[in-house]
Amino acid sequence: MQAESRQLSKQPPQRANNKQSALTYVILNPHARGGRNAKLATQLQKILSQCGLDDALINTDSPQAALEMIHALPSGSRILVAGGDGTIQHLLPALIAGGHTLGVLPLGSGNDNARTLGTYGLALDTAIQQTLSHPASPIDVGEIHFIDSSTGIPHENLFLSSLSAGFDASISLRARQGPAWLFGMPRYLWATLGELRALRHWPIHVTADEKVIHTGPALFASCLNTPSFGGGMPAVPNAKNNDGALNLLMAGDIHMADVLQLLPRLLIGKHLGRPKVHTLAFSNLKIQSQTPIPIAADGEYLGLANELKIYTRSQSLAAICL
C-alpha cells in the first residue's frame, strides 16, 4: 500500500467539510498499464492536495475491492477513475447503483472512453482539474447476457466502450497475455498479427431490433458505444455515447487478402463501405453461433458463448465530458 493513499475499508473515508471534497473520490487501479500506475500514487496525491482533496485517493488491490469501496461511498459522489477501459468496465455496476458521476483519468492501455470523454492526451493535473470543474451529462451503457459455453456460468456484464465477438475478442485475449512493455494501439496490433496466423470465422445468426440482418460466416461482430476501440482505432467514427443506441460493426466472410486490406483502413477510419463490412445502429441485438464464439467487453476477455444478447441502457450513467 502507498502511504499517501487509503486502502479498502468497510466505511468510506472521512472527508473534510468542504462540499466538493465531501463528494469527490479518486479510484486508482495500480495494476493498469502493466502495473505502471502503482508509481503514480504520490503524484496523484500531490495534485489532489493542491485541489483541496487531501483524502480523496483510494488505492485498491483488486476490482472486487474497488467495487466494495464504491458501494460504501455516499450516493451521488463524483468518482474519478484513474485507469483504463477495463477498470471502468469492472466498476460500472457500482457506479450506476450508487448514482455516481464518472470522471476518467486516462491511465489505461486503451483509453477509448477517455478519448470520447475528452481527457485523453491531457496532463494528469489538467485532467483532474477539468473533471473537477465540468458538469456531468447522461451517457449510454451497454449490457450483455450470455451463458459461458465452456463452464455453463451465466454472465450479465456492462460495458461503456465496446463489446467484441469473434476475431477482435480473440485479439483482446491475446493482448492481455502480451508483453508488459507494450500498451495502447501497439499492444493491440501485436495481438492482431498473432491472430492473423490462425484466421478463424464463426457461423453466426444476427438479429437487430427483432430483424434478421445476417446469417452465415463472419470474422467478427462488434458493438460500439464510442467511436473507437482497440486503443484508438476509429471503428465507427460517427458513434455517440448519448444517442440511445449502440452501433454494430460486422465483417462477414472475408479472408486473408481482404483482411490485410481492411486492417490498414480500420486504423484510419476508411473501412466503412468496404465489401462485407457493415455497420448498424440498434437498441437490442442477438448473436447466435453454432460454434462457441469468444466474447470481450472493453478489451476484457469474458469467455465463450453460443448465444449473446446485447441491450442499450439509454442514458443510465452520469459522466463528465469535456
Protein backbone atom coordinates (compact mmCIF):
# COMPACT_ATOMS: atom_id res chain seq x y z
CA MET A 1 0.00 0.00 0.00
CA GLN A 2 1.18 3.51 -0.81
CA ALA A 3 1.48 5.67 2.29
CA GLU A 4 -0.33 8.53 0.58
CA SER A 5 -3.49 6.57 -0.31
CA ARG A 6 -6.23 4.73 1.51
CA GLN A 7 -6.77 1.00 1.38
CA LEU A 8 -10.17 -0.68 1.29
CA SER A 9 -12.25 -0.46 4.45
CA LYS A 10 -15.87 -1.16 5.24
CA GLN A 11 -16.57 2.54 5.70
CA PRO A 12 -15.87 5.35 3.19
CA PRO A 13 -13.02 7.71 4.03
CA GLN A 14 -13.79 10.53 6.46
CA ARG A 15 -13.72 13.74 4.49
CA ALA A 16 -13.32 17.44 5.08
CA ASN A 17 -16.37 19.67 5.44
CA ASN A 18 -15.78 21.30 2.04
CA LYS A 19 -18.79 20.39 -0.11
CA GLN A 20 -16.73 19.46 -3.17
CA SER A 21 -14.28 17.27 -1.26
CA ALA A 22 -17.13 15.51 0.57
CA LEU A 23 -18.40 14.15 -2.75
CA THR A 24 -15.22 13.58 -4.75
CA TYR A 25 -13.08 10.42 -4.74
CA VAL A 26 -10.34 9.07 -6.98
CA ILE A 27 -10.06 5.32 -7.54
CA LEU A 28 -6.55 4.28 -8.61
CA ASN A 29 -6.02 0.96 -10.34
CA PRO A 30 -2.33 0.26 -9.59
CA HIS A 31 -2.33 -2.71 -11.99
CA ALA A 32 -3.35 -0.74 -15.09
CA ARG A 33 -0.76 -0.16 -17.84
CA GLY A 34 1.08 -3.30 -16.82
CA GLY A 35 1.43 -2.14 -13.21
CA ARG A 36 2.97 1.24 -14.02
CA ASN A 37 0.07 3.06 -12.35
CA ALA A 38 1.30 1.97 -8.93
CA LYS A 39 4.08 4.55 -9.20
CA LEU A 40 1.59 7.40 -9.69
CA ALA A 41 0.03 7.40 -6.21
CA THR A 42 2.42 10.04 -4.88
CA GLN A 43 1.91 12.32 -7.89
CA LEU A 44 -1.85 11.88 -7.72
CA GLN A 45 -1.91 12.67 -4.01
CA LYS A 46 0.10 15.86 -4.55
CA ILE A 47 -2.24 17.11 -7.27
CA LEU A 48 -5.35 16.26 -5.25
CA SER A 49 -3.98 18.04 -2.19
CA GLN A 50 -3.44 21.14 -4.31
CA CYS A 51 -7.14 20.91 -5.24
CA GLY A 52 -8.20 20.66 -1.59
CA LEU A 53 -8.81 16.91 -1.78
CA ASP A 54 -6.32 15.56 0.75
CA ASP A 55 -8.26 12.36 1.48
CA ALA A 56 -9.73 11.69 -1.96
CA LEU A 57 -7.35 8.99 -3.19
CA ILE A 58 -8.42 5.36 -2.81
CA ASN A 59 -5.81 2.79 -3.86
CA THR A 60 -7.28 -0.72 -4.08
CA ASP A 61 -5.64 -4.06 -4.78
CA SER A 62 -8.37 -5.67 -6.89
CA PRO A 63 -11.52 -4.89 -8.90
CA GLN A 64 -13.65 -6.55 -6.22
CA ALA A 65 -12.11 -4.33 -3.54
CA ALA A 66 -12.81 -1.25 -5.64
CA LEU A 67 -16.42 -2.35 -6.16
CA GLU A 68 -16.96 -2.78 -2.44
CA MET A 69 -15.46 0.62 -1.73
CA ILE A 70 -17.67 2.37 -4.30
CA HIS A 71 -20.76 0.67 -2.85
CA ALA A 72 -19.79 2.16 0.54
CA LEU A 73 -19.42 5.73 -0.75
CA PRO A 74 -22.19 8.35 -0.40
CA SER A 75 -24.74 8.22 -3.21
CA GLY A 76 -24.15 10.71 -5.98
CA SER A 77 -20.39 11.02 -5.41
CA ARG A 78 -18.09 12.24 -8.16
CA ILE A 79 -15.68 9.37 -8.78
CA LEU A 80 -12.61 9.86 -10.93
CA VAL A 81 -11.30 6.53 -12.20
CA ALA A 82 -7.53 6.51 -12.71
CA GLY A 83 -7.27 3.55 -15.05
CA GLY A 84 -8.35 2.28 -18.44
CA ASP A 85 -11.43 0.90 -20.15
CA GLY A 86 -11.16 -2.46 -18.39
CA THR A 87 -11.04 -0.79 -14.98
CA ILE A 88 -14.16 1.24 -15.77
CA GLN A 89 -15.93 -1.86 -17.06
CA HIS A 90 -15.42 -3.64 -13.73
CA LEU A 91 -16.72 -0.64 -11.76
CA LEU A 92 -19.82 0.16 -13.84
CA PRO A 93 -22.33 -1.82 -11.72
CA ALA A 94 -21.37 0.06 -8.54
CA LEU A 95 -21.18 3.43 -10.30
CA ILE A 96 -24.70 3.05 -11.67
CA ALA A 97 -26.17 1.54 -8.50
CA GLY A 98 -24.88 4.44 -6.40
CA GLY A 99 -25.98 7.12 -8.84
CA HIS A 100 -22.36 8.28 -9.01
CA THR A 101 -20.80 10.58 -11.59
CA LEU A 102 -17.90 9.12 -13.58
CA GLY A 103 -14.79 11.08 -14.46
CA VAL A 104 -11.98 9.35 -16.37
CA LEU A 105 -8.27 9.98 -15.85
CA PRO A 106 -6.55 8.47 -18.93
CA LEU A 107 -4.25 5.99 -17.21
CA GLY A 108 -5.04 2.77 -19.06
CA SER A 109 -3.74 0.87 -22.06
CA GLY A 110 -6.59 1.55 -24.48
CA ASN A 111 -8.26 4.72 -23.16
CA ASP A 112 -11.13 4.70 -25.68
CA ASN A 113 -13.53 6.05 -23.05
CA ALA A 114 -11.05 8.81 -22.22
CA ARG A 115 -10.89 9.70 -25.90
CA THR A 116 -14.66 10.04 -26.08
CA LEU A 117 -14.98 11.93 -22.80
CA GLY A 118 -12.23 14.36 -23.72
CA THR A 119 -9.49 13.62 -21.18
CA TYR A 120 -7.17 11.60 -23.41
CA GLY A 121 -3.89 13.39 -24.07
CA LEU A 122 -4.25 15.79 -21.14
CA ALA A 123 -1.58 16.08 -18.50
CA LEU A 124 -2.65 14.40 -15.29
CA ASP A 125 -3.06 17.65 -13.33
CA THR A 126 -5.06 19.21 -16.16
CA ALA A 127 -7.30 16.15 -16.47
CA ILE A 128 -8.04 16.25 -12.74
CA GLN A 129 -8.77 19.97 -12.69
CA GLN A 130 -11.02 19.69 -15.74
CA THR A 131 -13.01 16.74 -14.40
CA LEU A 132 -13.49 18.52 -11.08
CA SER A 133 -14.89 21.65 -12.69
CA HIS A 134 -17.03 20.36 -15.57
CA PRO A 135 -20.69 19.39 -15.11
CA ALA A 136 -21.90 15.87 -15.80
CA SER A 137 -24.27 14.67 -18.50
CA PRO A 138 -26.02 11.31 -19.02
CA ILE A 139 -24.50 8.71 -21.34
CA ASP A 140 -25.49 5.26 -22.57
CA VAL A 141 -24.21 1.92 -21.29
CA GLY A 142 -24.22 -1.47 -22.99
CA GLU A 143 -25.50 -4.62 -21.27
CA ILE A 144 -24.56 -8.21 -22.17
CA HIS A 145 -26.22 -11.52 -21.29
CA PHE A 146 -24.77 -14.94 -22.13
CA ILE A 147 -24.00 -18.37 -20.70
CA ASP A 148 -20.37 -19.41 -20.98
CA SER A 149 -20.25 -22.39 -23.33
CA SER A 150 -17.27 -23.96 -21.58
CA THR A 151 -18.32 -23.52 -17.94
CA GLY A 152 -22.11 -23.14 -18.03
CA ILE A 153 -21.81 -19.99 -15.89
CA PRO A 154 -24.33 -17.23 -16.75
CA HIS A 155 -22.88 -13.76 -17.31
CA GLU A 156 -24.50 -10.34 -17.07
CA ASN A 157 -21.95 -7.64 -17.82
CA LEU A 158 -21.99 -3.94 -18.57
CA PHE A 159 -19.67 -2.12 -20.96
CA LEU A 160 -19.05 1.52 -21.72
CA SER A 161 -16.97 1.45 -24.91
CA SER A 162 -17.23 -1.81 -26.85
CA LEU A 163 -18.39 -5.40 -26.97
CA SER A 164 -16.40 -7.76 -29.20
CA ALA A 165 -17.40 -11.15 -30.56
CA GLY A 166 -15.09 -13.23 -32.75
CA PHE A 167 -11.74 -12.11 -34.17
CA ASP A 168 -11.39 -8.93 -32.12
CA ALA A 169 -12.32 -10.72 -28.87
CA SER A 170 -9.58 -13.26 -29.57
CA ILE A 171 -7.25 -10.29 -30.04
CA SER A 172 -8.31 -8.96 -26.61
CA LEU A 173 -7.40 -12.27 -25.01
CA ARG A 174 -4.04 -12.35 -26.78
CA ALA A 175 -3.36 -8.70 -25.88
CA ARG A 176 -3.99 -9.44 -22.20
CA GLN A 177 -1.30 -12.10 -22.40
CA GLY A 178 1.14 -9.85 -24.25
CA PRO A 179 4.44 -8.33 -23.12
CA ALA A 180 4.18 -5.82 -20.27
CA TRP A 181 6.17 -3.15 -22.11
CA LEU A 182 3.55 -2.86 -24.87
CA PHE A 183 0.36 -0.87 -24.30
CA GLY A 184 -2.24 1.08 -26.26
CA MET A 185 -2.51 0.54 -30.01
CA PRO A 186 0.95 -1.10 -30.38
CA ARG A 187 -0.15 -3.85 -28.00
CA TYR A 188 -3.40 -4.29 -29.95
CA LEU A 189 -1.51 -4.50 -33.26
CA TRP A 190 0.90 -7.06 -31.80
CA ALA A 191 -2.06 -9.22 -30.77
CA THR A 192 -3.74 -8.71 -34.14
CA LEU A 193 -0.73 -10.06 -36.02
CA GLY A 194 -0.78 -13.11 -33.78
CA GLU A 195 -4.45 -13.81 -34.53
CA LEU A 196 -3.92 -13.44 -38.28
CA ARG A 197 -1.85 -16.61 -38.26
CA ALA A 198 -4.94 -18.66 -37.38
CA LEU A 199 -7.63 -16.62 -39.10
CA ARG A 200 -10.99 -18.01 -37.97
CA HIS A 201 -14.61 -17.38 -38.92
CA TRP A 202 -17.74 -18.20 -36.94
CA PRO A 203 -21.14 -19.23 -38.33
CA ILE A 204 -23.47 -16.64 -36.77
CA HIS A 205 -27.09 -15.58 -36.93
CA VAL A 206 -27.60 -11.90 -36.03
CA THR A 207 -30.90 -10.24 -35.14
CA ALA A 208 -31.07 -6.48 -34.53
CA ASP A 209 -34.24 -4.94 -33.09
CA GLU A 210 -36.14 -8.15 -33.99
CA LYS A 211 -34.96 -8.15 -37.64
CA VAL A 212 -32.57 -10.75 -39.08
CA ILE A 213 -29.59 -8.94 -40.59
CA HIS A 214 -27.04 -11.71 -41.13
CA THR A 215 -26.83 -15.49 -41.37
CA GLY A 216 -23.54 -17.11 -42.30
CA PRO A 217 -19.79 -16.96 -41.59
CA ALA A 218 -18.36 -13.82 -40.02
CA LEU A 219 -14.94 -12.68 -38.92
CA PHE A 220 -16.31 -10.54 -36.09
CA ALA A 221 -19.37 -8.71 -34.81
CA SER A 222 -18.55 -5.77 -32.54
CA CYS A 223 -20.93 -3.40 -30.75
CA LEU A 224 -19.64 0.09 -30.01
CA ASN A 225 -20.79 2.88 -27.75
CA THR A 226 -17.74 5.00 -28.57
CA PRO A 227 -16.27 5.94 -31.97
CA SER A 228 -13.06 3.97 -31.35
CA PHE A 229 -11.91 0.72 -29.82
CA GLY A 230 -8.67 -1.22 -29.55
CA GLY A 231 -6.70 1.78 -28.29
CA GLY A 232 -7.90 4.40 -30.75
CA MET A 233 -8.99 2.59 -33.90
CA PRO A 234 -11.84 4.72 -35.35
CA ALA A 235 -14.17 1.76 -35.86
CA VAL A 236 -17.46 3.72 -36.06
CA PRO A 237 -16.40 7.39 -36.33
CA ASN A 238 -19.97 8.71 -36.07
CA ALA A 239 -20.88 6.74 -32.93
CA LYS A 240 -22.13 8.72 -29.95
CA ASN A 241 -22.40 7.59 -26.35
CA ASN A 242 -25.56 9.59 -25.62
CA ASP A 243 -27.90 8.85 -28.55
CA GLY A 244 -29.74 5.89 -27.00
CA ALA A 245 -28.21 3.38 -29.44
CA LEU A 246 -25.22 1.10 -29.85
CA ASN A 247 -23.51 0.51 -33.18
CA LEU A 248 -22.84 -2.88 -34.73
CA LEU A 249 -19.69 -3.25 -36.81
CA MET A 250 -19.57 -6.61 -38.57
CA ALA A 251 -17.17 -8.20 -41.03
CA GLY A 252 -18.61 -11.17 -42.87
CA ASP A 253 -16.94 -13.99 -44.78
CA ILE A 254 -13.69 -12.20 -45.59
CA HIS A 255 -10.37 -13.95 -45.81
CA MET A 256 -6.69 -13.19 -45.57
CA ALA A 257 -6.25 -10.96 -48.62
CA ASP A 258 -9.34 -8.94 -47.71
CA VAL A 259 -8.35 -8.71 -44.05
CA LEU A 260 -4.89 -7.41 -44.95
CA GLN A 261 -6.59 -4.65 -46.95
CA LEU A 262 -9.18 -3.99 -44.25
CA LEU A 263 -6.90 -3.56 -41.22
CA PRO A 264 -4.90 -0.58 -42.53
CA ARG A 265 -8.18 1.10 -43.47
CA LEU A 266 -9.55 0.42 -39.99
CA LEU A 267 -6.60 2.26 -38.48
CA ILE A 268 -7.62 5.48 -40.27
CA GLY A 269 -11.40 5.03 -40.31
CA LYS A 270 -11.65 4.23 -44.04
CA HIS A 271 -13.04 0.71 -43.72
CA LEU A 272 -16.76 1.51 -43.82
CA GLY A 273 -18.35 0.80 -47.16
CA ARG A 274 -15.91 -2.00 -47.95
CA PRO A 275 -17.48 -5.24 -49.26
CA LYS A 276 -18.81 -7.45 -46.46
CA VAL A 277 -18.22 -4.77 -43.79
CA HIS A 278 -21.45 -3.44 -42.30
CA THR A 279 -22.49 -1.04 -39.56
CA LEU A 280 -25.91 -0.54 -38.00
CA ALA A 281 -27.33 1.39 -35.03
CA PHE A 282 -29.55 -0.70 -32.73
CA SER A 283 -31.27 -0.85 -29.35
CA ASN A 284 -31.02 -4.62 -28.82
CA LEU A 285 -29.11 -7.33 -30.63
CA LYS A 286 -28.84 -11.12 -30.50
CA ILE A 287 -25.92 -13.14 -31.84
CA GLN A 288 -26.21 -16.92 -32.13
CA SER A 289 -23.35 -19.19 -33.19
CA GLN A 290 -23.18 -22.92 -33.82
CA THR A 291 -19.54 -22.75 -32.74
CA PRO A 292 -18.74 -21.06 -29.40
CA ILE A 293 -17.58 -17.55 -30.14
CA PRO A 294 -15.13 -15.61 -27.92
CA ILE A 295 -16.52 -12.53 -26.13
CA ALA A 296 -14.75 -9.45 -24.75
CA ALA A 297 -16.07 -6.22 -23.22
CA ASP A 298 -13.99 -3.02 -23.14
CA GLY A 299 -10.93 -5.07 -24.01
CA GLU A 300 -11.53 -7.57 -21.18
CA TYR A 301 -11.95 -11.18 -22.29
CA LEU A 302 -15.15 -12.69 -20.79
CA GLY A 303 -15.47 -16.21 -22.21
CA LEU A 304 -17.21 -18.23 -24.94
CA ALA A 305 -20.87 -18.10 -25.95
CA ASN A 306 -23.27 -19.82 -28.35
CA GLU A 307 -25.83 -17.09 -27.78
CA LEU A 308 -25.28 -13.50 -26.77
CA LYS A 309 -27.82 -10.74 -26.11
CA ILE A 310 -26.80 -7.08 -26.08
CA TYR A 311 -29.01 -4.23 -24.86
CA THR A 312 -28.69 -0.47 -24.79
CA ARG A 313 -29.22 1.12 -21.38
CA SER A 314 -30.02 4.61 -22.57
CA GLN A 315 -28.50 7.48 -20.55
CA SER A 316 -28.08 5.31 -17.44
CA LEU A 317 -24.77 6.78 -16.24
CA ALA A 318 -23.73 10.33 -15.46
CA ALA A 319 -20.27 11.17 -16.82
CA ILE A 320 -18.04 14.21 -17.15
CA CYS A 321 -17.44 15.03 -20.81
CA LEU A 322 -15.03 17.88 -21.57
